[in-house]
Amino acid sequence: MAAAGKPVPTCLLLGAAGGGKSLLARRLRQLSVEEAAAELGEPPATQPTVGTNLTDLRLPRRVTVRELGGCMGPIWPSYYGECSALLVSSSCIQLLSVLSAAQLASVPVLVLFNKIDLPCYMSRVEMKSLFRMQDIISWATQPITILETSARDGTGLADVLQWLRATLGDPR
């Protein structure tokens, strides 16, 4: 519970194994704590998440990011009920499965095209076409935003924090 009895909003971070979720959560925490952190430095070593990791962000309101390991896909739905926002970095099939969950019908979704620093990365236009994002957005009941990121070099992470602030900001 947060101050004044208001619950701390939880943002689920879902995606395929090896999608960069752990590094993304660490970098977002670093940026939310060190507002003027223009230089993120070398990325820390990460290991595949087995189970769940919790990361608190200050936006300035406290928000908990719950990262669920890619191997936990079959039990993701058991976490949907406590979800206030959703960050998804996954395959198209996983994205469609998450978007069709009744418990997430009105939860704002941020789709992350992560690892844009890789030489084999497809452009945003190519990725949107491959995922058929226009069809997904027109079909989905929840608001969907798309961002390109690189947790390794920090590209787009400020935009993710801005989305989280706008989505989970202080409800006053």
Protein backbone atom coordinates (compact mmCIF):
# COMPACT_ATOMS: atom_id res chain seq x y z
CA MET A 1 0.00 0.00 0.00
CA ALA A 2 1.10 3.51 -0.76
CA ALA A 3 0.61 6.59 1.37
CA ALA A 4 -2.96 7.58 2.22
CA GLY A 5 -4.17 4.02 1.58
CA LYS A 6 -3.77 4.20 -2.18
CA PRO A 7 -2.39 0.97 -3.64
CA VAL A 8 0.92 1.08 -5.48
CA PRO A 9 0.14 0.53 -9.16
CA THR A 10 1.74 -2.54 -10.73
CA CYS A 11 2.97 -2.62 -14.28
CA LEU A 12 3.54 -6.10 -15.70
CA LEU A 13 6.61 -6.54 -17.92
CA LEU A 14 6.03 -9.54 -20.16
CA GLY A 15 7.94 -11.00 -23.06
CA ALA A 16 9.80 -13.86 -24.58
CA ALA A 17 12.90 -15.34 -22.95
CA GLY A 18 15.95 -13.36 -24.03
CA GLY A 19 13.89 -10.29 -24.91
CA GLY A 20 15.83 -7.93 -22.63
CA LYS A 21 13.21 -7.49 -19.90
CA SER A 22 15.63 -7.64 -16.95
CA LEU A 23 17.99 -5.08 -18.44
CA LEU A 24 15.05 -2.86 -19.39
CA ALA A 25 13.71 -2.92 -15.80
CA ARG A 26 17.15 -2.13 -14.35
CA ARG A 27 17.71 0.76 -16.77
CA LEU A 28 14.25 2.21 -16.09
CA ARG A 29 14.94 2.12 -12.34
CA GLN A 30 18.30 3.80 -12.89
CA LEU A 31 16.71 6.55 -14.99
CA SER A 32 13.81 7.06 -12.57
CA VAL A 33 16.20 7.47 -9.61
CA GLU A 34 18.86 9.52 -11.37
CA GLU A 35 16.71 12.02 -13.27
CA ALA A 36 19.75 13.63 -14.88
CA ALA A 37 21.36 10.30 -15.79
CA ALA A 38 22.34 11.17 -19.33
CA GLU A 39 25.06 8.52 -19.21
CA LEU A 40 23.78 5.06 -18.35
CA GLY A 41 27.21 3.44 -18.50
CA GLU A 42 27.92 -0.13 -19.47
CA PRO A 43 24.92 -2.43 -19.20
CA PRO A 44 25.05 -4.69 -16.16
CA ALA A 45 25.15 -8.44 -16.65
CA THR A 46 21.77 -10.12 -16.45
CA GLN A 47 20.59 -13.70 -16.22
CA PRO A 48 17.35 -15.21 -17.47
CA THR A 49 14.56 -14.53 -15.02
CA VAL A 50 13.20 -17.61 -13.34
CA GLY A 51 10.05 -16.56 -11.60
CA THR A 52 9.39 -12.88 -11.07
CA ASN A 53 11.44 -9.76 -10.36
CA LEU A 54 10.04 -6.63 -8.72
CA THR A 55 11.47 -3.20 -9.52
CA ASP A 56 10.20 0.01 -7.92
CA LEU A 57 10.22 3.20 -9.99
CA ARG A 58 9.64 6.79 -8.83
CA LEU A 59 7.55 8.65 -11.42
CA PRO A 60 7.34 10.64 -8.89
CA ARG A 61 4.58 8.31 -7.63
CA ARG A 62 5.95 4.89 -6.73
CA VAL A 63 5.15 2.22 -9.33
CA THR A 64 6.14 -1.44 -9.14
CA VAL A 65 7.26 -3.17 -12.32
CA ARG A 66 6.71 -6.92 -12.06
CA GLU A 67 8.85 -8.71 -14.61
CA LEU A 68 7.69 -12.24 -15.36
CA GLY A 69 10.22 -14.62 -16.86
CA GLY A 70 9.55 -15.72 -20.43
CA CYS A 71 9.35 -19.33 -19.27
CA MET A 72 6.39 -18.32 -17.08
CA GLY A 73 4.15 -17.60 -20.08
CA PRO A 74 1.64 -20.31 -19.18
CA ILE A 75 0.94 -18.70 -15.78
CA TRP A 76 1.03 -15.02 -16.83
CA PRO A 77 -2.79 -14.84 -16.55
CA SER A 78 -2.60 -15.39 -12.79
CA TYR A 79 -0.93 -11.94 -12.54
CA TYR A 80 -3.37 -10.01 -14.74
CA GLY A 81 -5.79 -9.10 -11.94
CA GLU A 82 -3.29 -6.82 -10.17
CA CYS A 83 -2.14 -5.11 -13.36
CA SER A 84 -2.55 -1.34 -13.84
CA ALA A 85 -0.43 -1.12 -17.02
CA LEU A 86 1.38 -3.52 -19.29
CA LEU A 87 4.77 -3.45 -21.00
CA VAL A 88 5.03 -6.16 -23.67
CA SER A 89 8.17 -7.17 -25.54
CA SER A 90 7.22 -10.46 -27.12
CA SER A 91 6.17 -12.43 -30.14
CA CYS A 92 2.99 -11.60 -32.01
CA ILE A 93 1.29 -14.74 -30.69
CA GLN A 94 2.11 -13.79 -27.09
CA LEU A 95 0.90 -10.24 -27.70
CA LEU A 96 -2.43 -11.44 -29.11
CA SER A 97 -2.88 -13.83 -26.20
CA VAL A 98 -2.27 -11.07 -23.64
CA LEU A 99 -4.52 -8.56 -25.42
CA SER A 100 -7.40 -11.05 -25.55
CA ALA A 101 -7.36 -11.68 -21.78
CA ALA A 102 -10.61 -10.42 -20.24
CA GLN A 103 -8.81 -9.10 -17.13
CA LEU A 104 -6.67 -6.83 -19.34
CA ALA A 105 -9.50 -5.52 -21.54
CA SER A 106 -9.03 -1.91 -20.39
CA VAL A 107 -5.40 -1.96 -19.20
CA PRO A 108 -3.14 0.44 -21.18
CA VAL A 109 -0.48 -1.44 -23.16
CA LEU A 110 2.97 -0.33 -24.27
CA VAL A 111 4.39 -2.59 -26.97
CA LEU A 112 8.18 -2.44 -27.00
CA PHE A 113 10.24 -3.17 -30.07
CA ASN A 114 13.41 -3.72 -28.06
CA LYS A 115 17.00 -4.37 -29.09
CA ILE A 116 17.02 -1.75 -31.86
CA ASP A 117 20.79 -1.55 -31.37
CA LEU A 118 21.30 -4.94 -33.05
CA PRO A 119 22.60 -4.88 -36.64
CA CYS A 120 19.79 -7.20 -37.78
CA TYR A 121 17.02 -5.02 -36.34
CA MET A 122 14.04 -4.37 -38.61
CA SER A 123 12.70 -0.83 -38.95
CA ARG A 124 9.62 0.29 -37.02
CA VAL A 125 7.59 0.22 -40.24
CA GLU A 126 8.74 -3.33 -40.98
CA MET A 127 7.98 -4.48 -37.43
CA LYS A 128 4.52 -2.89 -37.45
CA SER A 129 3.82 -4.58 -40.78
CA LEU A 130 5.15 -7.95 -39.61
CA PHE A 131 3.03 -7.81 -36.44
CA ARG A 132 0.07 -6.32 -38.38
CA MET A 133 -0.12 -3.69 -35.65
CA GLN A 134 -2.82 -1.63 -37.37
CA ASP A 135 -5.12 -4.66 -37.31
CA ILE A 136 -4.20 -5.42 -33.70
CA ILE A 137 -4.80 -1.81 -32.60
CA SER A 138 -8.18 -1.65 -34.36
CA TRP A 139 -9.22 -4.99 -32.81
CA ALA A 140 -7.94 -4.40 -29.27
CA THR A 141 -10.16 -2.98 -26.54
CA GLN A 142 -7.27 -1.37 -24.67
CA PRO A 143 -5.20 1.66 -25.66
CA ILE A 144 -1.93 0.56 -27.29
CA THR A 145 1.26 2.57 -27.71
CA ILE A 146 4.34 1.37 -29.60
CA LEU A 147 7.92 2.39 -28.80
CA GLU A 148 11.32 1.32 -30.05
CA THR A 149 13.92 0.80 -27.34
CA SER A 150 17.38 -0.41 -26.59
CA ALA A 151 17.88 -1.26 -22.95
CA ARG A 152 21.57 -1.73 -23.79
CA ASP A 153 22.28 1.83 -25.00
CA GLY A 154 19.27 3.58 -23.42
CA THR A 155 17.47 4.58 -26.62
CA GLY A 156 13.77 5.16 -25.97
CA LEU A 157 13.90 4.51 -22.22
CA ALA A 158 13.00 8.11 -21.36
CA ASP A 159 9.93 7.65 -23.57
CA VAL A 160 8.99 4.49 -21.62
CA LEU A 161 9.25 6.41 -18.34
CA GLN A 162 7.16 9.23 -19.81
CA TRP A 163 4.49 6.71 -20.88
CA LEU A 164 4.50 5.19 -17.39
CA ARG A 165 4.19 8.67 -15.80
CA ALA A 166 1.29 9.57 -18.07
CA THR A 167 -0.41 6.21 -17.60
CA LEU A 168 0.17 5.62 -13.89
CA GLY A 169 0.67 9.18 -12.69
CA ASP A 170 -0.74 10.40 -9.41
CA PRO A 171 -4.55 9.98 -9.66
CA ARG A 172 -5.26 12.91 -7.30
